[in-house]
Amino acid sequence: MALSKEKKTSIIEEYARNKKDTGSVEVQVALLTERINRLTEHMKEHTHDYHTNRGLLQMVGKRKSLLDYLKKEDVQRYRELIKKLNLRK
């Protein structure tokens, strides 16, 4: 269920703030969102996979923490990221 190398590099290129950026909050949140979406689909089929469910909840918590940090540091970047990832309805 891990992301393929090509998918990961395309996400990094899309959300990076500059050419050498691989660890900014935007990139981390984008990667977590992709993994969360994949695990959500897995959990729809395998409802009793409790180990995966725990990992999914941990990833959601990590993403929430990163988004809270970004919101505190730079509201404009936060709003752009939320809109780009389509996280809020």
PDB file of N, CA and C in Angstrom:
ATOM      1  N   MET A   1       0.802  -1.198   0.000  1.00  0.00           N
ATOM      2  CA  MET A   1       0.000   0.000   0.000  1.00  0.00           C
ATOM      3  C   MET A   1       0.844   1.261   0.000  1.00  0.00           C
ATOM      4  N   ALA A   2       2.134   1.090  -0.006  1.00  0.00           N
ATOM      5  CA  ALA A   2       3.010   2.256  -0.050  1.00  0.00           C
ATOM      6  C   ALA A   2       2.898   2.932  -1.412  1.00  0.00           C
ATOM      7  N   LEU A   3       3.206   4.194  -1.437  1.00  0.00           N
ATOM      8  CA  LEU A   3       3.159   4.934  -2.689  1.00  0.00           C
ATOM      9  C   LEU A   3       4.316   4.524  -3.582  1.00  0.00           C
ATOM     10  N   SER A   4       4.060   4.452  -4.860  1.00  0.00           N
ATOM     11  CA  SER A   4       5.148   4.137  -5.785  1.00  0.00           C
ATOM     12  C   SER A   4       6.091   5.339  -5.869  1.00  0.00           C
ATOM     13  N   LYS A   5       7.298   5.066  -6.291  1.00  0.00           N
ATOM     14  CA  LYS A   5       8.302   6.125  -6.368  1.00  0.00           C
ATOM     15  C   LYS A   5       7.871   7.227  -7.330  1.00  0.00           C
ATOM     16  N   GLU A   6       7.275   6.844  -8.444  1.00  0.00           N
ATOM     17  CA  GLU A   6       6.832   7.826  -9.440  1.00  0.00           C
ATOM     18  C   GLU A   6       5.722   8.712  -8.888  1.00  0.00           C
ATOM     19  N   LYS A   7       4.766   8.082  -8.198  1.00  0.00           N
ATOM     20  CA  LYS A   7       3.644   8.838  -7.618  1.00  0.00           C
ATOM     21  C   LYS A   7       4.151   9.813  -6.559  1.00  0.00           C
ATOM     22  N   LYS A   8       5.081   9.335  -5.737  1.00  0.00           N
ATOM     23  CA  LYS A   8       5.624  10.167  -4.674  1.00  0.00           C
ATOM     24  C   LYS A   8       6.384  11.363  -5.239  1.00  0.00           C
ATOM     25  N   THR A   9       7.207  11.137  -6.262  1.00  0.00           N
ATOM     26  CA  THR A   9       7.959  12.252  -6.844  1.00  0.00           C
ATOM     27  C   THR A   9       7.034  13.239  -7.541  1.00  0.00           C
ATOM     28  N   SER A  10       5.959  12.758  -8.155  1.00  0.00           N
ATOM     29  CA  SER A  10       5.028  13.684  -8.804  1.00  0.00           C
ATOM     30  C   SER A  10       4.312  14.545  -7.775  1.00  0.00           C
ATOM     31  N   ILE A  11       3.965  13.974  -6.641  1.00  0.00           N
ATOM     32  CA  ILE A  11       3.327  14.755  -5.567  1.00  0.00           C
ATOM     33  C   ILE A  11       4.309  15.779  -5.020  1.00  0.00           C
ATOM     34  N   ILE A  12       5.556  15.370  -4.815  1.00  0.00           N
ATOM     35  CA  ILE A  12       6.570  16.291  -4.299  1.00  0.00           C
ATOM     36  C   ILE A  12       6.780  17.445  -5.268  1.00  0.00           C
ATOM     37  N   GLU A  13       6.864  17.142  -6.568  1.00  0.00           N
ATOM     38  CA  GLU A  13       7.052  18.196  -7.562  1.00  0.00           C
ATOM     39  C   GLU A  13       5.873  19.160  -7.588  1.00  0.00           C
ATOM     40  N   GLU A  14       4.680  18.636  -7.397  1.00  0.00           N
ATOM     41  CA  GLU A  14       3.482  19.472  -7.469  1.00  0.00           C
ATOM     42  C   GLU A  14       3.356  20.419  -6.275  1.00  0.00           C
ATOM     43  N   TYR A  15       3.705  19.956  -5.082  1.00  0.00           N
ATOM     44  CA  TYR A  15       3.475  20.737  -3.869  1.00  0.00           C
ATOM     45  C   TYR A  15       4.730  21.395  -3.296  1.00  0.00           C
ATOM     46  N   ALA A  16       5.884  21.151  -3.894  1.00  0.00           N
ATOM     47  CA  ALA A  16       7.132  21.726  -3.374  1.00  0.00           C
ATOM     48  C   ALA A  16       7.126  23.243  -3.541  1.00  0.00           C
ATOM     49  N   ARG A  17       7.746  23.916  -2.598  1.00  0.00           N
ATOM     50  CA  ARG A  17       7.814  25.377  -2.642  1.00  0.00           C
ATOM     51  C   ARG A  17       8.958  25.849  -3.528  1.00  0.00           C
ATOM     52  N   ASN A  18      10.012  25.050  -3.628  1.00  0.00           N
ATOM     53  CA  ASN A  18      11.097  25.327  -4.566  1.00  0.00           C
ATOM     54  C   ASN A  18      11.600  23.996  -5.121  1.00  0.00           C
ATOM     55  N   LYS A  19      12.608  24.044  -5.966  1.00  0.00           N
ATOM     56  CA  LYS A  19      13.031  22.839  -6.681  1.00  0.00           C
ATOM     57  C   LYS A  19      13.580  21.735  -5.764  1.00  0.00           C
ATOM     58  N   LYS A  20      14.294  22.111  -4.710  1.00  0.00           N
ATOM     59  CA  LYS A  20      14.909  21.119  -3.833  1.00  0.00           C
ATOM     60  C   LYS A  20      14.079  20.798  -2.592  1.00  0.00           C
ATOM     61  N   ASP A  21      12.869  21.300  -2.538  1.00  0.00           N
ATOM     62  CA  ASP A  21      12.016  21.122  -1.365  1.00  0.00           C
ATOM     63  C   ASP A  21      11.391  19.732  -1.361  1.00  0.00           C
ATOM     64  N   THR A  22      11.641  18.976  -0.298  1.00  0.00           N
ATOM     65  CA  THR A  22      10.995  17.670  -0.153  1.00  0.00           C
ATOM     66  C   THR A  22      10.329  17.504   1.199  1.00  0.00           C
ATOM     67  N   GLY A  23      10.540  18.418   2.118  1.00  0.00           N
ATOM     68  CA  GLY A  23      10.036  18.214   3.465  1.00  0.00           C
ATOM     69  C   GLY A  23       9.188  19.332   4.010  1.00  0.00           C
ATOM     70  N   SER A  24       8.742  20.244   3.172  1.00  0.00           N
ATOM     71  CA  SER A  24       7.908  21.332   3.681  1.00  0.00           C
ATOM     72  C   SER A  24       6.567  20.781   4.151  1.00  0.00           C
ATOM     73  N   VAL A  25       5.858  21.577   4.898  1.00  0.00           N
ATOM     74  CA  VAL A  25       4.579  21.147   5.436  1.00  0.00           C
ATOM     75  C   VAL A  25       3.621  20.783   4.303  1.00  0.00           C
ATOM     76  N   GLU A  26       3.638  21.557   3.231  1.00  0.00           N
ATOM     77  CA  GLU A  26       2.738  21.281   2.115  1.00  0.00           C
ATOM     78  C   GLU A  26       2.992  19.897   1.513  1.00  0.00           C
ATOM     79  N   VAL A  27       4.260  19.558   1.337  1.00  0.00           N
ATOM     80  CA  VAL A  27       4.611  18.257   0.764  1.00  0.00           C
ATOM     81  C   VAL A  27       4.215  17.143   1.722  1.00  0.00           C
ATOM     82  N   GLN A  28       4.494  17.306   2.998  1.00  0.00           N
ATOM     83  CA  GLN A  28       4.151  16.278   3.978  1.00  0.00           C
ATOM     84  C   GLN A  28       2.649  16.043   4.026  1.00  0.00           C
ATOM     85  N   VAL A  29       1.876  17.126   4.033  1.00  0.00           N
ATOM     86  CA  VAL A  29       0.420  16.995   4.080  1.00  0.00           C
ATOM     87  C   VAL A  29      -0.098  16.341   2.802  1.00  0.00           C
ATOM     88  N   ALA A  30       0.450  16.700   1.659  1.00  0.00           N
ATOM     89  CA  ALA A  30       0.008  16.108   0.393  1.00  0.00           C
ATOM     90  C   ALA A  30       0.289  14.608   0.356  1.00  0.00           C
ATOM     91  N   LEU A  31       1.470  14.209   0.816  1.00  0.00           N
ATOM     92  CA  LEU A  31       1.803  12.780   0.847  1.00  0.00           C
ATOM     93  C   LEU A  31       0.902  12.025   1.825  1.00  0.00           C
ATOM     94  N   LEU A  32       0.689  12.614   2.990  1.00  0.00           N
ATOM     95  CA  LEU A  32      -0.203  11.973   3.964  1.00  0.00           C
ATOM     96  C   LEU A  32      -1.619  11.857   3.416  1.00  0.00           C
ATOM     97  N   THR A  33      -2.082  12.872   2.736  1.00  0.00           N
ATOM     98  CA  THR A  33      -3.432  12.848   2.176  1.00  0.00           C
ATOM     99  C   THR A  33      -3.575  11.730   1.158  1.00  0.00           C
ATOM    100  N   GLU A  34      -2.580  11.556   0.321  1.00  0.00           N
ATOM    101  CA  GLU A  34      -2.626  10.476  -0.670  1.00  0.00           C
ATOM    102  C   GLU A  34      -2.670   9.116   0.024  1.00  0.00           C
ATOM    103  N   ARG A  35      -1.840   8.927   1.027  1.00  0.00           N
ATOM    104  CA  ARG A  35      -1.840   7.653   1.758  1.00  0.00           C
ATOM    105  C   ARG A  35      -3.156   7.431   2.497  1.00  0.00           C
ATOM    106  N   ILE A  36      -3.705   8.498   3.081  1.00  0.00           N
ATOM    107  CA  ILE A  36      -4.979   8.400   3.791  1.00  0.00           C
ATOM    108  C   ILE A  36      -6.087   8.006   2.824  1.00  0.00           C
ATOM    109  N   ASN A  37      -6.105   8.606   1.642  1.00  0.00           N
ATOM    110  CA  ASN A  37      -7.134   8.263   0.656  1.00  0.00           C
ATOM    111  C   ASN A  37      -7.044   6.800   0.238  1.00  0.00           C
ATOM    112  N   ARG A  38      -5.826   6.297   0.046  1.00  0.00           N
ATOM    113  CA  ARG A  38      -5.651   4.890  -0.328  1.00  0.00           C
ATOM    114  C   ARG A  38      -6.103   3.962   0.795  1.00  0.00           C
ATOM    115  N   LEU A  39      -5.718   4.299   2.037  1.00  0.00           N
ATOM    116  CA  LEU A  39      -6.115   3.443   3.157  1.00  0.00           C
ATOM    117  C   LEU A  39      -7.613   3.498   3.411  1.00  0.00           C
ATOM    118  N   THR A  40      -8.232   4.618   3.139  1.00  0.00           N
ATOM    119  CA  THR A  40      -9.674   4.730   3.306  1.00  0.00           C
ATOM    120  C   THR A  40     -10.389   3.768   2.366  1.00  0.00           C
ATOM    121  N   GLU A  41      -9.906   3.690   1.122  1.00  0.00           N
ATOM    122  CA  GLU A  41     -10.479   2.736   0.176  1.00  0.00           C
ATOM    123  C   GLU A  41     -10.261   1.299   0.654  1.00  0.00           C
ATOM    124  N   HIS A  42      -9.092   1.011   1.188  1.00  0.00           N
ATOM    125  CA  HIS A  42      -8.796  -0.323   1.717  1.00  0.00           C
ATOM    126  C   HIS A  42      -9.740  -0.661   2.871  1.00  0.00           C
ATOM    127  N   MET A  43      -9.980   0.315   3.743  1.00  0.00           N
ATOM    128  CA  MET A  43     -10.818   0.063   4.916  1.00  0.00           C
ATOM    129  C   MET A  43     -12.285  -0.138   4.548  1.00  0.00           C
ATOM    130  N   LYS A  44     -12.714   0.410   3.423  1.00  0.00           N
ATOM    131  CA  LYS A  44     -14.094   0.175   2.980  1.00  0.00           C
ATOM    132  C   LYS A  44     -14.319  -1.290   2.642  1.00  0.00           C
ATOM    133  N   GLU A  45     -13.290  -1.942   2.128  1.00  0.00           N
ATOM    134  CA  GLU A  45     -13.401  -3.347   1.763  1.00  0.00           C
ATOM    135  C   GLU A  45     -13.085  -4.278   2.934  1.00  0.00           C
ATOM    136  N   HIS A  46     -12.107  -3.891   3.753  1.00  0.00           N
ATOM    137  CA  HIS A  46     -11.653  -4.732   4.868  1.00  0.00           C
ATOM    138  C   HIS A  46     -11.972  -4.030   6.188  1.00  0.00           C
ATOM    139  N   THR A  47     -13.213  -4.137   6.606  1.00  0.00           N
ATOM    140  CA  THR A  47     -13.668  -3.367   7.774  1.00  0.00           C
ATOM    141  C   THR A  47     -13.070  -3.854   9.086  1.00  0.00           C
ATOM    142  N   HIS A  48     -12.623  -5.086   9.143  1.00  0.00           N
ATOM    143  CA  HIS A  48     -12.081  -5.622  10.395  1.00  0.00           C
ATOM    144  C   HIS A  48     -10.563  -5.606  10.453  1.00  0.00           C
ATOM    145  N   ASP A  49      -9.932  -4.829   9.610  1.00  0.00           N
ATOM    146  CA  ASP A  49      -8.476  -4.687   9.616  1.00  0.00           C
ATOM    147  C   ASP A  49      -8.108  -3.597  10.624  1.00  0.00           C
ATOM    148  N   TYR A  50      -8.038  -3.992  11.880  1.00  0.00           N
ATOM    149  CA  TYR A  50      -7.878  -3.021  12.957  1.00  0.00           C
ATOM    150  C   TYR A  50      -6.485  -2.412  12.996  1.00  0.00           C
ATOM    151  N   HIS A  51      -5.475  -3.153  12.595  1.00  0.00           N
ATOM    152  CA  HIS A  51      -4.116  -2.613  12.590  1.00  0.00           C
ATOM    153  C   HIS A  51      -3.988  -1.483  11.577  1.00  0.00           C
ATOM    154  N   THR A  52      -4.556  -1.679  10.415  1.00  0.00           N
ATOM    155  CA  THR A  52      -4.536  -0.638   9.397  1.00  0.00           C
ATOM    156  C   THR A  52      -5.358   0.560   9.846  1.00  0.00           C
ATOM    157  N   ASN A  53      -6.469   0.292  10.508  1.00  0.00           N
ATOM    158  CA  ASN A  53      -7.318   1.376  10.990  1.00  0.00           C
ATOM    159  C   ASN A  53      -6.565   2.260  11.990  1.00  0.00           C
ATOM    160  N   ARG A  54      -5.781   1.633  12.844  1.00  0.00           N
ATOM    161  CA  ARG A  54      -4.998   2.407  13.814  1.00  0.00           C
ATOM    162  C   ARG A  54      -3.968   3.277  13.100  1.00  0.00           C
ATOM    163  N   GLY A  55      -3.290   2.714  12.110  1.00  0.00           N
ATOM    164  CA  GLY A  55      -2.330   3.483  11.338  1.00  0.00           C
ATOM    165  C   GLY A  55      -2.994   4.634  10.599  1.00  0.00           C
ATOM    166  N   LEU A  56      -4.179   4.387  10.078  1.00  0.00           N
ATOM    167  CA  LEU A  56      -4.938   5.425   9.386  1.00  0.00           C
ATOM    168  C   LEU A  56      -5.268   6.570  10.338  1.00  0.00           C
ATOM    169  N   LEU A  57      -5.722   6.238  11.521  1.00  0.00           N
ATOM    170  CA  LEU A  57      -6.048   7.272  12.504  1.00  0.00           C
ATOM    171  C   LEU A  57      -4.807   8.060  12.930  1.00  0.00           C
ATOM    172  N   GLN A  58      -3.672   7.393  13.030  1.00  0.00           N
ATOM    173  CA  GLN A  58      -2.440   8.095  13.357  1.00  0.00           C
ATOM    174  C   GLN A  58      -2.045   9.064  12.256  1.00  0.00           C
ATOM    175  N   MET A  59      -2.216   8.645  11.004  1.00  0.00           N
ATOM    176  CA  MET A  59      -1.895   9.536   9.885  1.00  0.00           C
ATOM    177  C   MET A  59      -2.817  10.747   9.847  1.00  0.00           C
ATOM    178  N   VAL A  60      -4.090  10.533  10.132  1.00  0.00           N
ATOM    179  CA  VAL A  60      -5.045  11.642  10.163  1.00  0.00           C
ATOM    180  C   VAL A  60      -4.651  12.629  11.260  1.00  0.00           C
ATOM    181  N   GLY A  61      -4.239  12.111  12.420  1.00  0.00           N
ATOM    182  CA  GLY A  61      -3.799  12.981  13.512  1.00  0.00           C
ATOM    183  C   GLY A  61      -2.545  13.758  13.158  1.00  0.00           C
ATOM    184  N   LYS A  62      -1.608  13.105  12.490  1.00  0.00           N
ATOM    185  CA  LYS A  62      -0.374  13.767  12.065  1.00  0.00           C
ATOM    186  C   LYS A  62      -0.678  14.870  11.059  1.00  0.00           C
ATOM    187  N   ARG A  63      -1.565  14.582  10.104  1.00  0.00           N
ATOM    188  CA  ARG A  63      -1.937  15.590   9.116  1.00  0.00           C
ATOM    189  C   ARG A  63      -2.617  16.778   9.787  1.00  0.00           C
ATOM    190  N   LYS A  64      -3.473  16.500  10.761  1.00  0.00           N
ATOM    191  CA  LYS A  64      -4.151  17.573  11.487  1.00  0.00           C
ATOM    192  C   LYS A  64      -3.152  18.450  12.222  1.00  0.00           C
ATOM    193  N   SER A  65      -2.159  17.842  12.835  1.00  0.00           N
ATOM    194  CA  SER A  65      -1.120  18.603  13.544  1.00  0.00           C
ATOM    195  C   SER A  65      -0.340  19.490  12.575  1.00  0.00           C
ATOM    196  N   LEU A  66       0.026  18.931  11.424  1.00  0.00           N
ATOM    197  CA  LEU A  66       0.760  19.715  10.436  1.00  0.00           C
ATOM    198  C   LEU A  66      -0.082  20.869   9.899  1.00  0.00           C
ATOM    199  N   LEU A  67      -1.367  20.618   9.670  1.00  0.00           N
ATOM    200  CA  LEU A  67      -2.242  21.688   9.192  1.00  0.00           C
ATOM    201  C   LEU A  67      -2.442  22.772  10.248  1.00  0.00           C
ATOM    202  N   ASP A  68      -2.541  22.373  11.515  1.00  0.00           N
ATOM    203  CA  ASP A  68      -2.652  23.360  12.592  1.00  0.00           C
ATOM    204  C   ASP A  68      -1.402  24.233  12.658  1.00  0.00           C
ATOM    205  N   TYR A  69      -0.244  23.608  12.499  1.00  0.00           N
ATOM    206  CA  TYR A  69       1.015  24.353  12.499  1.00  0.00           C
ATOM    207  C   TYR A  69       1.050  25.343  11.337  1.00  0.00           C
ATOM    208  N   LEU A  70       0.687  24.884  10.155  1.00  0.00           N
ATOM    209  CA  LEU A  70       0.707  25.755   8.983  1.00  0.00           C
ATOM    210  C   LEU A  70      -0.280  26.904   9.133  1.00  0.00           C
ATOM    211  N   LYS A  71      -1.434  26.623   9.706  1.00  0.00           N
ATOM    212  CA  LYS A  71      -2.438  27.669   9.918  1.00  0.00           C
ATOM    213  C   LYS A  71      -1.917  28.726  10.874  1.00  0.00           C
ATOM    214  N   LYS A  72      -1.180  28.300  11.884  1.00  0.00           N
ATOM    215  CA  LYS A  72      -0.616  29.229  12.861  1.00  0.00           C
ATOM    216  C   LYS A  72       0.503  30.063  12.249  1.00  0.00           C
ATOM    217  N   GLU A  73       1.305  29.453  11.371  1.00  0.00           N
ATOM    218  CA  GLU A  73       2.455  30.138  10.789  1.00  0.00           C
ATOM    219  C   GLU A  73       2.096  31.037   9.605  1.00  0.00           C
ATOM    220  N   ASP A  74       1.263  30.520   8.693  1.00  0.00           N
ATOM    221  CA  ASP A  74       0.951  31.278   7.481  1.00  0.00           C
ATOM    222  C   ASP A  74      -0.443  30.878   6.993  1.00  0.00           C
ATOM    223  N   VAL A  75      -1.430  31.709   7.292  1.00  0.00           N
ATOM    224  CA  VAL A  75      -2.821  31.396   6.980  1.00  0.00           C
ATOM    225  C   VAL A  75      -3.054  31.304   5.472  1.00  0.00           C
ATOM    226  N   GLN A  76      -2.383  32.141   4.711  1.00  0.00           N
ATOM    227  CA  GLN A  76      -2.582  32.126   3.265  1.00  0.00           C
ATOM    228  C   GLN A  76      -2.130  30.805   2.651  1.00  0.00           C
ATOM    229  N   ARG A  77      -0.960  30.317   3.031  1.00  0.00           N
ATOM    230  CA  ARG A  77      -0.482  29.016   2.538  1.00  0.00           C
ATOM    231  C   ARG A  77      -1.425  27.899   2.965  1.00  0.00           C
ATOM    232  N   TYR A  78      -1.934  27.994   4.192  1.00  0.00           N
ATOM    233  CA  TYR A  78      -2.885  27.006   4.705  1.00  0.00           C
ATOM    234  C   TYR A  78      -4.133  26.963   3.832  1.00  0.00           C
ATOM    235  N   ARG A  79      -4.700  28.119   3.532  1.00  0.00           N
ATOM    236  CA  ARG A  79      -5.920  28.175   2.727  1.00  0.00           C
ATOM    237  C   ARG A  79      -5.699  27.644   1.309  1.00  0.00           C
ATOM    238  N   GLU A  80      -4.543  27.978   0.731  1.00  0.00           N
ATOM    239  CA  GLU A  80      -4.229  27.491  -0.616  1.00  0.00           C
ATOM    240  C   GLU A  80      -4.106  25.967  -0.624  1.00  0.00           C
ATOM    241  N   LEU A  81      -3.447  25.429   0.406  1.00  0.00           N
ATOM    242  CA  LEU A  81      -3.254  23.979   0.477  1.00  0.00           C
ATOM    243  C   LEU A  81      -4.582  23.257   0.666  1.00  0.00           C
ATOM    244  N   ILE A  82      -5.425  23.767   1.540  1.00  0.00           N
ATOM    245  CA  ILE A  82      -6.723  23.158   1.780  1.00  0.00           C
ATOM    246  C   ILE A  82      -7.551  23.136   0.492  1.00  0.00           C
ATOM    247  N   LYS A  83      -7.506  24.255  -0.226  1.00  0.00           N
ATOM    248  CA  LYS A  83      -8.262  24.343  -1.476  1.00  0.00           C
ATOM    249  C   LYS A  83      -7.702  23.386  -2.525  1.00  0.00           C
ATOM    250  N   LYS A  84      -6.379  23.312  -2.615  1.00  0.00           N
ATOM    251  CA  LYS A  84      -5.735  22.470  -3.620  1.00  0.00           C
ATOM    252  C   LYS A  84      -5.978  20.985  -3.359  1.00  0.00           C
ATOM    253  N   LEU A  85      -5.957  20.590  -2.079  1.00  0.00           N
ATOM    254  CA  LEU A  85      -6.169  19.191  -1.721  1.00  0.00           C
ATOM    255  C   LEU A  85      -7.644  18.837  -1.568  1.00  0.00           C
ATOM    256  N   ASN A  86      -8.500  19.848  -1.577  1.00  0.00           N
ATOM    257  CA  ASN A  86      -9.935  19.652  -1.433  1.00  0.00           C
ATOM    258  C   ASN A  86     -10.266  18.917  -0.127  1.00  0.00           C
ATOM    259  N   LEU A  87      -9.719  19.418   0.984  1.00  0.00           N
ATOM    260  CA  LEU A  87      -9.915  18.779   2.272  1.00  0.00           C
ATOM    261  C   LEU A  87     -11.170  19.230   3.007  1.00  0.00           C
ATOM    262  N   ARG A  88     -11.536  20.477   2.890  1.00  0.00           N
ATOM    263  CA  ARG A  88     -12.705  20.984   3.576  1.00  0.00           C
ATOM    264  C   ARG A  88     -13.857  21.116   2.589  1.00  0.00           C
ATOM    265  N   LYS A  89     -15.024  20.841   3.063  1.00  0.00           N
ATOM    266  CA  LYS A  89     -16.201  20.953   2.190  1.00  0.00           C
ATOM    267  C   LYS A  89     -16.815  22.334   2.313  1.00  0.00           C
TER     268      LYS A  89
END
